[in-house]
PDB file of all heavy atoms in Angstrom:
ATOM      1  N   VAL A   1     -14.673  -3.246  16.939  1.00  0.00           N
ATOM      2  CA  VAL A   1     -13.492  -2.877  16.226  1.00  0.00           C
ATOM      3  C   VAL A   1     -13.886  -1.504  15.419  1.00  0.00           C
ATOM      4  O   VAL A   1     -13.050  -0.549  15.467  1.00  0.00           O
ATOM      5  CB  VAL A   1     -12.923  -3.894  15.122  1.00  0.00           C
ATOM      6  CG1 VAL A   1     -11.948  -3.357  14.259  1.00  0.00           C
ATOM      7  CG2 VAL A   1     -12.370  -5.042  15.958  1.00  0.00           C
ATOM      8  N   ALA A   2     -15.068  -1.496  14.840  1.00  0.00           N
ATOM      9  CA  ALA A   2     -15.416  -0.222  14.064  1.00  0.00           C
ATOM     10  C   ALA A   2     -15.547   0.944  15.089  1.00  0.00           C
ATOM     11  O   ALA A   2     -15.153   2.081  14.671  1.00  0.00           O
ATOM     12  CB  ALA A   2     -16.703  -0.529  13.354  1.00  0.00           C
ATOM     13  N   ALA A   3     -16.139   0.666  16.202  1.00  0.00           N
ATOM     14  CA  ALA A   3     -16.219   1.659  17.290  1.00  0.00           C
ATOM     15  C   ALA A   3     -14.936   2.191  17.782  1.00  0.00           C
ATOM     16  O   ALA A   3     -14.782   3.505  17.880  1.00  0.00           O
ATOM     17  CB  ALA A   3     -17.000   1.177  18.522  1.00  0.00           C
ATOM     18  N   GLU A   4     -13.960   1.422  17.956  1.00  0.00           N
ATOM     19  CA  GLU A   4     -12.677   1.828  18.334  1.00  0.00           C
ATOM     20  C   GLU A   4     -11.910   2.630  17.259  1.00  0.00           C
ATOM     21  O   GLU A   4     -11.334   3.631  17.529  1.00  0.00           O
ATOM     22  CB  GLU A   4     -11.781   0.587  18.719  1.00  0.00           C
ATOM     23  CG  GLU A   4     -12.196  -0.067  20.052  1.00  0.00           C
ATOM     24  CD  GLU A   4     -12.157   0.859  21.245  1.00  0.00           C
ATOM     25  OE1 GLU A   4     -11.486   1.822  21.294  1.00  0.00           O
ATOM     26  OE2 GLU A   4     -12.872   0.559  22.186  1.00  0.00           O
ATOM     27  N   LEU A   5     -12.028   2.094  15.978  1.00  0.00           N
ATOM     28  CA  LEU A   5     -11.369   2.877  14.905  1.00  0.00           C
ATOM     29  C   LEU A   5     -12.019   4.321  14.739  1.00  0.00           C
ATOM     30  O   LEU A   5     -11.352   5.269  14.471  1.00  0.00           O
ATOM     31  CB  LEU A   5     -11.383   2.151  13.644  1.00  0.00           C
ATOM     32  CG  LEU A   5     -10.577   0.767  13.674  1.00  0.00           C
ATOM     33  CD1 LEU A   5     -10.560   0.100  12.274  1.00  0.00           C
ATOM     34  CD2 LEU A   5      -9.112   0.960  14.113  1.00  0.00           C
ATOM     35  N   CYS A   6     -13.304   4.353  14.793  1.00  0.00           N
ATOM     36  CA  CYS A   6     -14.076   5.542  14.738  1.00  0.00           C
ATOM     37  C   CYS A   6     -13.796   6.599  15.847  1.00  0.00           C
ATOM     38  O   CYS A   6     -13.491   7.769  15.669  1.00  0.00           O
ATOM     39  CB  CYS A   6     -15.536   5.376  14.626  1.00  0.00           C
ATOM     40  SG  CYS A   6     -16.069   4.620  13.005  1.00  0.00           S
ATOM     41  N   ALA A   7     -13.654   6.082  17.122  1.00  0.00           N
ATOM     42  CA  ALA A   7     -13.345   6.788  18.177  1.00  0.00           C
ATOM     43  C   ALA A   7     -11.935   7.360  18.144  1.00  0.00           C
ATOM     44  O   ALA A   7     -11.724   8.646  18.468  1.00  0.00           O
ATOM     45  CB  ALA A   7     -13.494   6.084  19.477  1.00  0.00           C
ATOM     46  N   ASN A   8     -11.046   6.565  17.682  1.00  0.00           N
ATOM     47  CA  ASN A   8      -9.651   7.035  17.365  1.00  0.00           C
ATOM     48  C   ASN A   8      -9.511   8.152  16.352  1.00  0.00           C
ATOM     49  O   ASN A   8      -8.818   9.121  16.491  1.00  0.00           O
ATOM     50  CB  ASN A   8      -8.696   5.943  16.981  1.00  0.00           C
ATOM     51  CG  ASN A   8      -8.351   5.082  18.286  1.00  0.00           C
ATOM     52  OD1 ASN A   8      -8.646   5.482  19.363  1.00  0.00           O
ATOM     53  ND2 ASN A   8      -7.752   3.967  17.995  1.00  0.00           N
ATOM     54  N   ALA A   9     -10.367   8.024  15.192  1.00  0.00           N
ATOM     55  CA  ALA A   9     -10.420   8.981  14.187  1.00  0.00           C
ATOM     56  C   ALA A   9     -10.877  10.323  14.876  1.00  0.00           C
ATOM     57  O   ALA A   9     -10.413  11.462  14.501  1.00  0.00           O
ATOM     58  CB  ALA A   9     -11.278   8.704  13.093  1.00  0.00           C
ATOM     59  N   VAL A  10     -11.842  10.346  15.716  1.00  0.00           N
ATOM     60  CA  VAL A  10     -12.383  11.557  16.375  1.00  0.00           C
ATOM     61  C   VAL A  10     -11.337  12.122  17.439  1.00  0.00           C
ATOM     62  O   VAL A  10     -11.022  13.345  17.396  1.00  0.00           O
ATOM     63  CB  VAL A  10     -13.697  11.303  17.107  1.00  0.00           C
ATOM     64  CG1 VAL A  10     -14.125  12.435  17.923  1.00  0.00           C
ATOM     65  CG2 VAL A  10     -14.715  11.010  15.973  1.00  0.00           C
ATOM     66  N   ARG A  11     -10.816  11.155  18.290  1.00  0.00           N
ATOM     67  CA  ARG A  11      -9.905  11.761  19.270  1.00  0.00           C
ATOM     68  C   ARG A  11      -8.576  12.096  18.825  1.00  0.00           C
ATOM     69  O   ARG A  11      -7.913  13.061  19.260  1.00  0.00           O
ATOM     70  CB  ARG A  11      -9.748  10.621  20.298  1.00  0.00           C
ATOM     71  CG  ARG A  11      -9.039  10.954  21.527  1.00  0.00           C
ATOM     72  CD  ARG A  11      -9.151   9.981  22.613  1.00  0.00           C
ATOM     73  NE  ARG A  11      -8.457  10.577  23.776  1.00  0.00           N
ATOM     74  CZ  ARG A  11      -8.502  10.023  24.971  1.00  0.00           C
ATOM     75  NH1 ARG A  11      -9.040   8.860  25.114  1.00  0.00           N
ATOM     76  NH2 ARG A  11      -8.004  10.617  26.077  1.00  0.00           N
ATOM     77  N   HIS A  12      -7.982  11.245  17.814  1.00  0.00           N
ATOM     78  CA  HIS A  12      -6.602  11.577  17.482  1.00  0.00           C
ATOM     79  C   HIS A  12      -6.432  12.041  15.973  1.00  0.00           C
ATOM     80  O   HIS A  12      -5.292  12.485  15.717  1.00  0.00           O
ATOM     81  CB  HIS A  12      -5.747  10.195  17.589  1.00  0.00           C
ATOM     82  CG  HIS A  12      -5.774   9.712  18.988  1.00  0.00           C
ATOM     83  ND1 HIS A  12      -5.245  10.191  19.995  1.00  0.00           N
ATOM     84  CD2 HIS A  12      -6.350   8.492  19.466  1.00  0.00           C
ATOM     85  CE1 HIS A  12      -5.437   9.503  21.099  1.00  0.00           C
ATOM     86  NE2 HIS A  12      -6.161   8.409  20.766  1.00  0.00           N
ATOM     87  N   GLY A  13      -7.496  11.896  15.267  1.00  0.00           N
ATOM     88  CA  GLY A  13      -7.301  12.399  13.851  1.00  0.00           C
ATOM     89  C   GLY A  13      -8.202  13.605  13.479  1.00  0.00           C
ATOM     90  O   GLY A  13      -8.288  13.953  12.370  1.00  0.00           O
ATOM     91  N   HIS A  14      -8.838  14.270  14.514  1.00  0.00           N
ATOM     92  CA  HIS A  14      -9.664  15.282  14.293  1.00  0.00           C
ATOM     93  C   HIS A  14      -8.957  16.591  13.741  1.00  0.00           C
ATOM     94  O   HIS A  14      -7.911  17.020  14.271  1.00  0.00           O
ATOM     95  CB  HIS A  14     -10.367  15.640  15.580  1.00  0.00           C
ATOM     96  CG  HIS A  14     -11.198  17.039  15.600  1.00  0.00           C
ATOM     97  ND1 HIS A  14     -12.388  16.988  14.998  1.00  0.00           N
ATOM     98  CD2 HIS A  14     -10.920  18.224  15.917  1.00  0.00           C
ATOM     99  CE1 HIS A  14     -12.869  18.217  15.047  1.00  0.00           C
ATOM    100  NE2 HIS A  14     -12.072  18.978  15.670  1.00  0.00           N
ATOM    101  N   VAL A  15      -9.531  17.183  12.708  1.00  0.00           N
ATOM    102  CA  VAL A  15      -9.090  18.483  12.142  1.00  0.00           C
ATOM    103  C   VAL A  15     -10.383  19.263  12.056  1.00  0.00           C
ATOM    104  O   VAL A  15     -11.428  18.802  11.484  1.00  0.00           O
ATOM    105  CB  VAL A  15      -8.484  18.311  10.923  1.00  0.00           C
ATOM    106  CG1 VAL A  15      -8.193  19.771  10.320  1.00  0.00           C
ATOM    107  CG2 VAL A  15      -7.112  17.506  10.968  1.00  0.00           C
ATOM    108  N   ALA A  16     -10.464  20.462  12.723  1.00  0.00           N
ATOM    109  CA  ALA A  16     -11.641  21.288  12.794  1.00  0.00           C
ATOM    110  C   ALA A  16     -12.159  21.416  11.245  1.00  0.00           C
ATOM    111  O   ALA A  16     -11.482  21.722  10.303  1.00  0.00           O
ATOM    112  CB  ALA A  16     -11.397  22.730  13.338  1.00  0.00           C
ATOM    113  N   GLY A  17     -13.504  21.155  11.168  1.00  0.00           N
ATOM    114  CA  GLY A  17     -14.184  21.365   9.883  1.00  0.00           C
ATOM    115  C   GLY A  17     -14.055  20.116   8.857  1.00  0.00           C
ATOM    116  O   GLY A  17     -14.535  20.237   7.818  1.00  0.00           O
ATOM    117  N   ARG A  18     -13.294  19.097   9.318  1.00  0.00           N
ATOM    118  CA  ARG A  18     -13.066  17.940   8.496  1.00  0.00           C
ATOM    119  C   ARG A  18     -13.819  16.710   9.037  1.00  0.00           C
ATOM    120  O   ARG A  18     -13.805  16.485  10.316  1.00  0.00           O
ATOM    121  CB  ARG A  18     -11.675  17.631   8.321  1.00  0.00           C
ATOM    122  CG  ARG A  18     -10.854  18.750   7.736  1.00  0.00           C
ATOM    123  CD  ARG A  18     -11.053  18.786   6.231  1.00  0.00           C
ATOM    124  NE  ARG A  18     -10.349  19.964   5.692  1.00  0.00           N
ATOM    125  CZ  ARG A  18      -9.153  19.805   4.956  1.00  0.00           C
ATOM    126  NH1 ARG A  18      -8.727  18.630   4.693  1.00  0.00           N
ATOM    127  NH2 ARG A  18      -8.673  20.944   4.425  1.00  0.00           N
ATOM    128  N   ASP A  19     -14.427  15.918   8.169  1.00  0.00           N
ATOM    129  CA  ASP A  19     -15.100  14.735   8.530  1.00  0.00           C
ATOM    130  C   ASP A  19     -14.138  13.579   8.491  1.00  0.00           C
ATOM    131  O   ASP A  19     -13.067  13.665   7.904  1.00  0.00           O
ATOM    132  CB  ASP A  19     -16.285  14.529   7.585  1.00  0.00           C
ATOM    133  CG  ASP A  19     -17.365  15.516   7.675  1.00  0.00           C
ATOM    134  OD1 ASP A  19     -17.379  16.227   8.710  1.00  0.00           O
ATOM    135  OD2 ASP A  19     -18.138  15.725   6.660  1.00  0.00           O
ATOM    136  N   PHE A  20     -14.613  12.412   9.072  1.00  0.00           N
ATOM    137  CA  PHE A  20     -13.920  11.121   8.864  1.00  0.00           C
ATOM    138  C   PHE A  20     -14.805  10.236   8.062  1.00  0.00           C
ATOM    139  O   PHE A  20     -16.015  10.505   7.879  1.00  0.00           O
ATOM    140  CB  PHE A  20     -13.483  10.457  10.239  1.00  0.00           C
ATOM    141  CG  PHE A  20     -14.565   9.901  10.965  1.00  0.00           C
ATOM    142  CD1 PHE A  20     -14.911   8.631  10.895  1.00  0.00           C
ATOM    143  CD2 PHE A  20     -15.254  10.694  11.976  1.00  0.00           C
ATOM    144  CE1 PHE A  20     -15.943   8.080  11.709  1.00  0.00           C
ATOM    145  CE2 PHE A  20     -16.307  10.152  12.695  1.00  0.00           C
ATOM    146  CZ  PHE A  20     -16.672   8.788  12.556  1.00  0.00           C
ATOM    147  N   HIS A  21     -14.165   9.304   7.322  1.00  0.00           N
ATOM    148  CA  HIS A  21     -14.794   8.413   6.320  1.00  0.00           C
ATOM    149  C   HIS A  21     -14.745   7.045   6.865  1.00  0.00           C
ATOM    150  O   HIS A  21     -13.688   6.536   7.186  1.00  0.00           O
ATOM    151  CB  HIS A  21     -14.287   8.620   4.956  1.00  0.00           C
ATOM    152  CG  HIS A  21     -14.967   7.903   3.817  1.00  0.00           C
ATOM    153  ND1 HIS A  21     -14.437   6.597   3.472  1.00  0.00           N
ATOM    154  CD2 HIS A  21     -15.970   8.219   3.123  1.00  0.00           C
ATOM    155  CE1 HIS A  21     -15.285   6.203   2.491  1.00  0.00           C
ATOM    156  NE2 HIS A  21     -16.296   7.139   2.322  1.00  0.00           N
ATOM    157  N   VAL A  22     -15.837   6.299   6.676  1.00  0.00           N
ATOM    158  CA  VAL A  22     -15.918   4.855   6.943  1.00  0.00           C
ATOM    159  C   VAL A  22     -16.208   4.031   5.747  1.00  0.00           C
ATOM    160  O   VAL A  22     -17.110   4.513   5.054  1.00  0.00           O
ATOM    161  CB  VAL A  22     -16.958   4.554   8.108  1.00  0.00           C
ATOM    162  CG1 VAL A  22     -17.097   3.023   8.285  1.00  0.00           C
ATOM    163  CG2 VAL A  22     -16.543   5.257   9.473  1.00  0.00           C
ATOM    164  N   LEU A  23     -15.545   3.027   5.481  1.00  0.00           N
ATOM    165  CA  LEU A  23     -15.795   2.053   4.480  1.00  0.00           C
ATOM    166  C   LEU A  23     -15.817   0.711   5.091  1.00  0.00           C
ATOM    167  O   LEU A  23     -14.949   0.183   5.745  1.00  0.00           O
ATOM    168  CB  LEU A  23     -14.795   2.054   3.305  1.00  0.00           C
ATOM    169  CG  LEU A  23     -14.869   1.041   2.264  1.00  0.00           C
ATOM    170  CD1 LEU A  23     -16.265   1.143   1.544  1.00  0.00           C
ATOM    171  CD2 LEU A  23     -13.732   1.153   1.269  1.00  0.00           C
ATOM    172  N   LEU A  24     -16.969   0.037   4.919  1.00  0.00           N
ATOM    173  CA  LEU A  24     -17.256  -1.349   5.552  1.00  0.00           C
ATOM    174  C   LEU A  24     -17.533  -2.263   4.504  1.00  0.00           C
ATOM    175  O   LEU A  24     -18.302  -1.972   3.637  1.00  0.00           O
ATOM    176  CB  LEU A  24     -18.422  -1.251   6.550  1.00  0.00           C
ATOM    177  CG  LEU A  24     -18.750  -2.557   7.337  1.00  0.00           C
ATOM    178  CD1 LEU A  24     -17.703  -2.792   8.341  1.00  0.00           C
ATOM    179  CD2 LEU A  24     -20.112  -2.338   7.920  1.00  0.00           C
ATOM    180  N   THR A  25     -16.662  -3.323   4.337  1.00  0.00           N
ATOM    181  CA  THR A  25     -16.816  -4.232   3.254  1.00  0.00           C
ATOM    182  C   THR A  25     -16.888  -5.655   3.799  1.00  0.00           C
ATOM    183  O   THR A  25     -16.030  -6.062   4.678  1.00  0.00           O
ATOM    184  CB  THR A  25     -15.628  -4.159   2.307  1.00  0.00           C
ATOM    185  OG1 THR A  25     -15.399  -2.807   1.872  1.00  0.00           O
ATOM    186  CG2 THR A  25     -15.740  -5.058   1.107  1.00  0.00           C
ATOM    187  N   ALA A  26     -18.019  -6.399   3.425  1.00  0.00           N
ATOM    188  CA  ALA A  26     -18.167  -7.835   3.797  1.00  0.00           C
ATOM    189  C   ALA A  26     -17.986  -8.676   2.589  1.00  0.00           C
ATOM    190  O   ALA A  26     -18.701  -8.425   1.573  1.00  0.00           O
ATOM    191  CB  ALA A  26     -19.399  -7.965   4.417  1.00  0.00           C
ATOM    192  N   ASP A  27     -17.043  -9.626   2.539  1.00  0.00           N
ATOM    193  CA  ASP A  27     -16.768 -10.457   1.436  1.00  0.00           C
ATOM    194  C   ASP A  27     -17.023 -11.943   1.819  1.00  0.00           C
ATOM    195  O   ASP A  27     -16.249 -12.610   2.507  1.00  0.00           O
ATOM    196  CB  ASP A  27     -15.308 -10.434   1.016  1.00  0.00           C
ATOM    197  CG  ASP A  27     -15.070 -11.106  -0.275  1.00  0.00           C
ATOM    198  OD1 ASP A  27     -15.872 -11.903  -0.696  1.00  0.00           O
ATOM    199  OD2 ASP A  27     -13.933 -10.890  -0.815  1.00  0.00           O
ATOM    200  N   PRO A  28     -18.273 -12.429   1.437  1.00  0.00           N
ATOM    201  CA  PRO A  28     -18.583 -13.863   1.750  1.00  0.00           C
ATOM    202  C   PRO A  28     -17.646 -14.838   1.231  1.00  0.00           C
ATOM    203  O   PRO A  28     -17.493 -15.970   1.833  1.00  0.00           O
ATOM    204  CB  PRO A  28     -20.014 -13.980   1.084  1.00  0.00           C
ATOM    205  CG  PRO A  28     -20.468 -12.566   0.896  1.00  0.00           C
ATOM    206  CD  PRO A  28     -19.360 -11.818   0.663  1.00  0.00           C
ATOM    207  N   ALA A  29     -16.969 -14.557   0.103  1.00  0.00           N
ATOM    208  CA  ALA A  29     -15.988 -15.573  -0.434  1.00  0.00           C
ATOM    209  C   ALA A  29     -14.867 -15.810   0.572  1.00  0.00           C
ATOM    210  O   ALA A  29     -14.338 -16.978   0.565  1.00  0.00           O
ATOM    211  CB  ALA A  29     -15.520 -15.041  -1.827  1.00  0.00           C
ATOM    212  N   THR A  30     -14.380 -14.765   1.176  1.00  0.00           N
ATOM    213  CA  THR A  30     -13.254 -14.932   2.065  1.00  0.00           C
ATOM    214  C   THR A  30     -13.709 -15.005   3.557  1.00  0.00           C
ATOM    215  O   THR A  30     -12.975 -15.280   4.446  1.00  0.00           O
ATOM    216  CB  THR A  30     -12.270 -13.723   1.950  1.00  0.00           C
ATOM    217  OG1 THR A  30     -13.032 -12.521   2.282  1.00  0.00           O
ATOM    218  CG2 THR A  30     -11.644 -13.715   0.545  1.00  0.00           C
ATOM    219  N   GLY A  31     -15.092 -14.770   3.861  1.00  0.00           N
ATOM    220  CA  GLY A  31     -15.481 -14.803   5.176  1.00  0.00           C
ATOM    221  C   GLY A  31     -14.919 -13.724   6.005  1.00  0.00           C
ATOM    222  O   GLY A  31     -14.651 -13.826   7.225  1.00  0.00           O
TER     223      GLY A  31
END
């Protein structure tokens, strides 16, 4: 899922000179 979202950010969300940002959060309380 992370790979697909990142690939889409590059393929469809690319703006020259701009990066994309990833936030990954794991919550053991909710699994």
